[in-house]
Structures are given as C-alpha cells and as structure tokens.
Amino acid sequence: MRILRIYVDDPESIRGLLGPDLQIVSVRCVEEVLHAVQLSIRAFKRGTNHARSLGGEILLRLAGTAQISEAIKKVGLSRGLNYAILLGDVELPPELKVVDPERCNENEAELKESFERMALVEVI
C-alpha cells in the first residue's frame, strides 16, 4: 500500500480511474489517511467493517459515517490537493500529478477530533 499526495485539476476526468486498487480522498493531511487506513484494516480483520472494500471502509472512516454516499460527499475526490491510496501492487495512473508531501499543520486538538470521529464509525 502507498499513499501519495496528488493534485487534481478535473475530478470528473479521473473518476473512472477509481476502483478496488485506487482510492482518492480529499482530507487535510496524511496523518488522517494513515489513521483511517489502520482502523479500516483492523475492522476487516475483526469482521466489523461497514464497507465491502478496503477503499470504501477508508472513506467511511475519514468521513466519520457509515453511509458511503455521505462519505463520498465529505471526503471523496475533489479539485485540488488529494491523497491517492494505492491498495495492492498497482501504479499511479499517469493522469495523476504527484506533489511533494507536506507535514500536517493542524493543531493537535483538531487532529485528535478527527481521529475520534474516525473511531466512532466502529459503534455506528
């Protein structure tokens, strides 16, 4: 699995690239993605996942909801900076532009709130 920070000019032109091996999310920082990935993998191991795919479960965790349509609206692919999550042995499609990673500049309280929201999906 790899997580890359990317820039998306036109979300509609790349929406068709999404699938079981590629998820793209629009969140503030990579730490959120890493935490959601950890929670999602653990949910699949325990059999407590809400989504059928790991990529879907990551979306649910990041959004803090059990509804996939709501998760897509909140944290799905959008114009601007996103994170591509490559699940398995796949390459990033050439249409996507990788940008330099950036350290999360969220304060600890906001990041903690984000992590807590992700964990609440467990009990929804």
C-alpha atoms as a PDB file:
ATOM      1  CA  MET A   1       0.000   0.000   0.000  1.00  0.00           C
ATOM      2  CA  ARG A   2       1.207   3.503  -0.837  1.00  0.00           C
ATOM      3  CA  ILE A   3      -0.222   6.919  -0.063  1.00  0.00           C
ATOM      4  CA  LEU A   4       0.706   9.790  -2.381  1.00  0.00           C
ATOM      5  CA  ARG A   5      -0.271  13.451  -2.255  1.00  0.00           C
ATOM      6  CA  ILE A   6      -1.659  14.450  -5.636  1.00  0.00           C
ATOM      7  CA  TYR A   7      -3.152  17.462  -7.359  1.00  0.00           C
ATOM      8  CA  VAL A   8      -6.366  17.001  -9.337  1.00  0.00           C
ATOM      9  CA  ASP A   9      -7.353  19.556 -11.986  1.00  0.00           C
ATOM     10  CA  ASP A  10     -10.572  17.939 -13.167  1.00  0.00           C
ATOM     11  CA  PRO A  11     -12.157  15.346 -10.836  1.00  0.00           C
ATOM     12  CA  GLU A  12     -14.687  14.195 -13.424  1.00  0.00           C
ATOM     13  CA  SER A  13     -11.973  13.278 -15.915  1.00  0.00           C
ATOM     14  CA  ILE A  14     -10.348  10.821 -13.496  1.00  0.00           C
ATOM     15  CA  ARG A  15     -13.366   9.497 -11.576  1.00  0.00           C
ATOM     16  CA  GLY A  16     -13.318   6.420 -13.841  1.00  0.00           C
ATOM     17  CA  LEU A  17      -9.830   5.507 -12.581  1.00  0.00           C
ATOM     18  CA  LEU A  18     -11.151   4.766  -9.083  1.00  0.00           C
ATOM     19  CA  GLY A  19     -11.626   1.128  -8.210  1.00  0.00           C
ATOM     20  CA  PRO A  20     -10.662  -1.601  -5.782  1.00  0.00           C
ATOM     21  CA  ASP A  21      -6.940  -0.780  -6.079  1.00  0.00           C
ATOM     22  CA  LEU A  22      -7.152   3.036  -6.064  1.00  0.00           C
ATOM     23  CA  GLN A  23      -8.986   5.347  -3.697  1.00  0.00           C
ATOM     24  CA  ILE A  24      -8.605   9.121  -3.760  1.00  0.00           C
ATOM     25  CA  VAL A  25      -9.581  11.210  -0.764  1.00  0.00           C
ATOM     26  CA  SER A  26      -9.698  14.897  -0.012  1.00  0.00           C
ATOM     27  CA  VAL A  27      -8.573  15.473   3.568  1.00  0.00           C
ATOM     28  CA  ARG A  28      -6.293  17.927   5.352  1.00  0.00           C
ATOM     29  CA  CYS A  29      -3.233  15.786   5.990  1.00  0.00           C
ATOM     30  CA  VAL A  30      -1.636  12.390   5.511  1.00  0.00           C
ATOM     31  CA  GLU A  31      -1.861  11.590   9.225  1.00  0.00           C
ATOM     32  CA  GLU A  32      -5.638  11.388   8.851  1.00  0.00           C
ATOM     33  CA  VAL A  33      -5.269   8.971   5.951  1.00  0.00           C
ATOM     34  CA  LEU A  34      -2.802   6.793   7.851  1.00  0.00           C
ATOM     35  CA  HIS A  35      -5.091   6.581  10.869  1.00  0.00           C
ATOM     36  CA  ALA A  36      -8.113   5.735   8.714  1.00  0.00           C
ATOM     37  CA  VAL A  37      -6.132   3.025   6.914  1.00  0.00           C
ATOM     38  CA  GLN A  38      -5.106   1.460  10.231  1.00  0.00           C
ATOM     39  CA  LEU A  39      -8.678   1.490  11.550  1.00  0.00           C
ATOM     40  CA  SER A  40     -10.020   0.063   8.283  1.00  0.00           C
ATOM     41  CA  ILE A  41      -7.545  -2.814   8.158  1.00  0.00           C
ATOM     42  CA  ARG A  42      -8.334  -3.627  11.778  1.00  0.00           C
ATOM     43  CA  ALA A  43     -12.087  -3.551  11.044  1.00  0.00           C
ATOM     44  CA  PHE A  44     -11.664  -6.075   8.204  1.00  0.00           C
ATOM     45  CA  LYS A  45      -9.555  -8.353  10.411  1.00  0.00           C
ATOM     46  CA  ARG A  46     -12.204  -8.238  13.151  1.00  0.00           C
ATOM     47  CA  GLY A  47     -15.135  -8.527  10.769  1.00  0.00           C
ATOM     48  CA  THR A  48     -16.562  -5.187  11.910  1.00  0.00           C
ATOM     49  CA  ASN A  49     -16.193  -3.399   8.573  1.00  0.00           C
ATOM     50  CA  HIS A  50     -19.173  -1.490   7.145  1.00  0.00           C
ATOM     51  CA  ALA A  51     -17.978  -1.354   3.529  1.00  0.00           C
ATOM     52  CA  ARG A  52     -17.342  -4.249   1.160  1.00  0.00           C
ATOM     53  CA  SER A  53     -13.933  -2.943   0.097  1.00  0.00           C
ATOM     54  CA  LEU A  54     -10.951  -1.557   1.979  1.00  0.00           C
ATOM     55  CA  GLY A  55     -11.108   1.647  -0.069  1.00  0.00           C
ATOM     56  CA  GLY A  56     -14.757   2.108   0.854  1.00  0.00           C
ATOM     57  CA  GLU A  57     -14.024   1.486   4.524  1.00  0.00           C
ATOM     58  CA  ILE A  58     -11.262   4.112   4.432  1.00  0.00           C
ATOM     59  CA  LEU A  59     -13.746   6.635   3.013  1.00  0.00           C
ATOM     60  CA  LEU A  60     -16.258   5.829   5.765  1.00  0.00           C
ATOM     61  CA  ARG A  61     -13.626   6.227   8.469  1.00  0.00           C
ATOM     62  CA  LEU A  62     -12.341   9.536   7.128  1.00  0.00           C
ATOM     63  CA  ALA A  63     -15.862  10.931   6.931  1.00  0.00           C
ATOM     64  CA  GLY A  64     -16.941   9.516  10.288  1.00  0.00           C
ATOM     65  CA  THR A  65     -20.098   7.970   8.870  1.00  0.00           C
ATOM     66  CA  ALA A  66     -21.491   4.566   7.926  1.00  0.00           C
ATOM     67  CA  GLN A  67     -23.140   5.906   4.740  1.00  0.00           C
ATOM     68  CA  ILE A  68     -20.946   5.649   1.647  1.00  0.00           C
ATOM     69  CA  SER A  69     -22.808   8.385  -0.272  1.00  0.00           C
ATOM     70  CA  GLU A  70     -22.281  10.793   2.625  1.00  0.00           C
ATOM     71  CA  ALA A  71     -18.613   9.788   2.869  1.00  0.00           C
ATOM     72  CA  ILE A  72     -18.054  10.456  -0.836  1.00  0.00           C
ATOM     73  CA  LYS A  73     -19.576  13.935  -0.462  1.00  0.00           C
ATOM     74  CA  LYS A  74     -17.460  14.735   2.604  1.00  0.00           C
ATOM     75  CA  VAL A  75     -14.035  13.329   1.727  1.00  0.00           C
ATOM     76  CA  GLY A  76     -14.198  11.932  -1.797  1.00  0.00           C
ATOM     77  CA  LEU A  77     -12.188  13.032  -4.810  1.00  0.00           C
ATOM     78  CA  SER A  78     -12.254  16.797  -5.351  1.00  0.00           C
ATOM     79  CA  ARG A  79     -10.462  19.524  -7.285  1.00  0.00           C
ATOM     80  CA  GLY A  80      -7.152  20.487  -5.725  1.00  0.00           C
ATOM     81  CA  LEU A  81      -4.969  18.561  -3.278  1.00  0.00           C
ATOM     82  CA  ASN A  82      -5.973  14.962  -2.528  1.00  0.00           C
ATOM     83  CA  TYR A  83      -4.357  11.754  -1.346  1.00  0.00           C
ATOM     84  CA  ALA A  84      -4.187   8.705  -3.607  1.00  0.00           C
ATOM     85  CA  ILE A  85      -4.259   5.424  -1.728  1.00  0.00           C
ATOM     86  CA  LEU A  86      -2.811   2.628  -3.833  1.00  0.00           C
ATOM     87  CA  LEU A  87      -4.085  -0.663  -2.450  1.00  0.00           C
ATOM     88  CA  GLY A  88      -2.042  -3.614  -3.574  1.00  0.00           C
ATOM     89  CA  ASP A  89       0.613  -3.802  -6.255  1.00  0.00           C
ATOM     90  CA  VAL A  90      -0.560  -1.058  -8.614  1.00  0.00           C
ATOM     91  CA  GLU A  91       0.996   2.018 -10.152  1.00  0.00           C
ATOM     92  CA  LEU A  92      -0.373   5.533 -10.003  1.00  0.00           C
ATOM     93  CA  PRO A  93      -2.166   6.325 -13.280  1.00  0.00           C
ATOM     94  CA  PRO A  94      -0.129   8.828 -15.349  1.00  0.00           C
ATOM     95  CA  GLU A  95      -3.094  11.238 -15.396  1.00  0.00           C
ATOM     96  CA  LEU A  96      -2.487  11.992 -11.707  1.00  0.00           C
ATOM     97  CA  LYS A  97       0.148  14.523 -10.670  1.00  0.00           C
ATOM     98  CA  VAL A  98       2.180  13.761  -7.539  1.00  0.00           C
ATOM     99  CA  VAL A  99       3.113  16.762  -5.408  1.00  0.00           C
ATOM    100  CA  ASP A 100       5.567  16.987  -2.544  1.00  0.00           C
ATOM    101  CA  PRO A 101       4.271  15.734   0.777  1.00  0.00           C
ATOM    102  CA  GLU A 102       3.616  18.315   3.420  1.00  0.00           C
ATOM    103  CA  ARG A 103       3.617  17.941   7.167  1.00  0.00           C
ATOM    104  CA  CYS A 104       0.170  18.311   8.701  1.00  0.00           C
ATOM    105  CA  ASN A 105      -0.290  21.816  10.039  1.00  0.00           C
ATOM    106  CA  GLU A 106      -3.438  21.038  12.010  1.00  0.00           C
ATOM    107  CA  ASN A 107      -3.232  21.682  15.704  1.00  0.00           C
ATOM    108  CA  GLU A 108      -3.276  18.655  17.977  1.00  0.00           C
ATOM    109  CA  ALA A 109      -6.846  19.249  19.175  1.00  0.00           C
ATOM    110  CA  GLU A 110      -8.235  19.293  15.608  1.00  0.00           C
ATOM    111  CA  LEU A 111      -6.266  16.190  14.641  1.00  0.00           C
ATOM    112  CA  LYS A 112      -7.437  14.384  17.799  1.00  0.00           C
ATOM    113  CA  GLU A 113     -11.051  15.308  16.992  1.00  0.00           C
ATOM    114  CA  SER A 114     -10.600  13.895  13.503  1.00  0.00           C
ATOM    115  CA  PHE A 115      -9.172  10.638  14.885  1.00  0.00           C
ATOM    116  CA  GLU A 116     -12.045  10.321  17.363  1.00  0.00           C
ATOM    117  CA  ARG A 117     -14.620  10.836  14.581  1.00  0.00           C
ATOM    118  CA  MET A 118     -12.998   8.008  12.620  1.00  0.00           C
ATOM    119  CA  ALA A 119     -13.087   5.660  15.604  1.00  0.00           C
ATOM    120  CA  LEU A 120     -16.801   6.342  16.167  1.00  0.00           C
ATOM    121  CA  VAL A 121     -17.636   4.537  12.923  1.00  0.00           C
ATOM    122  CA  GLU A 122     -16.909   1.372  14.890  1.00  0.00           C
ATOM    123  CA  VAL A 123     -20.042   1.901  17.007  1.00  0.00           C
ATOM    124  CA  ILE A 124     -22.398   3.335  14.388  1.00  0.00           C
END
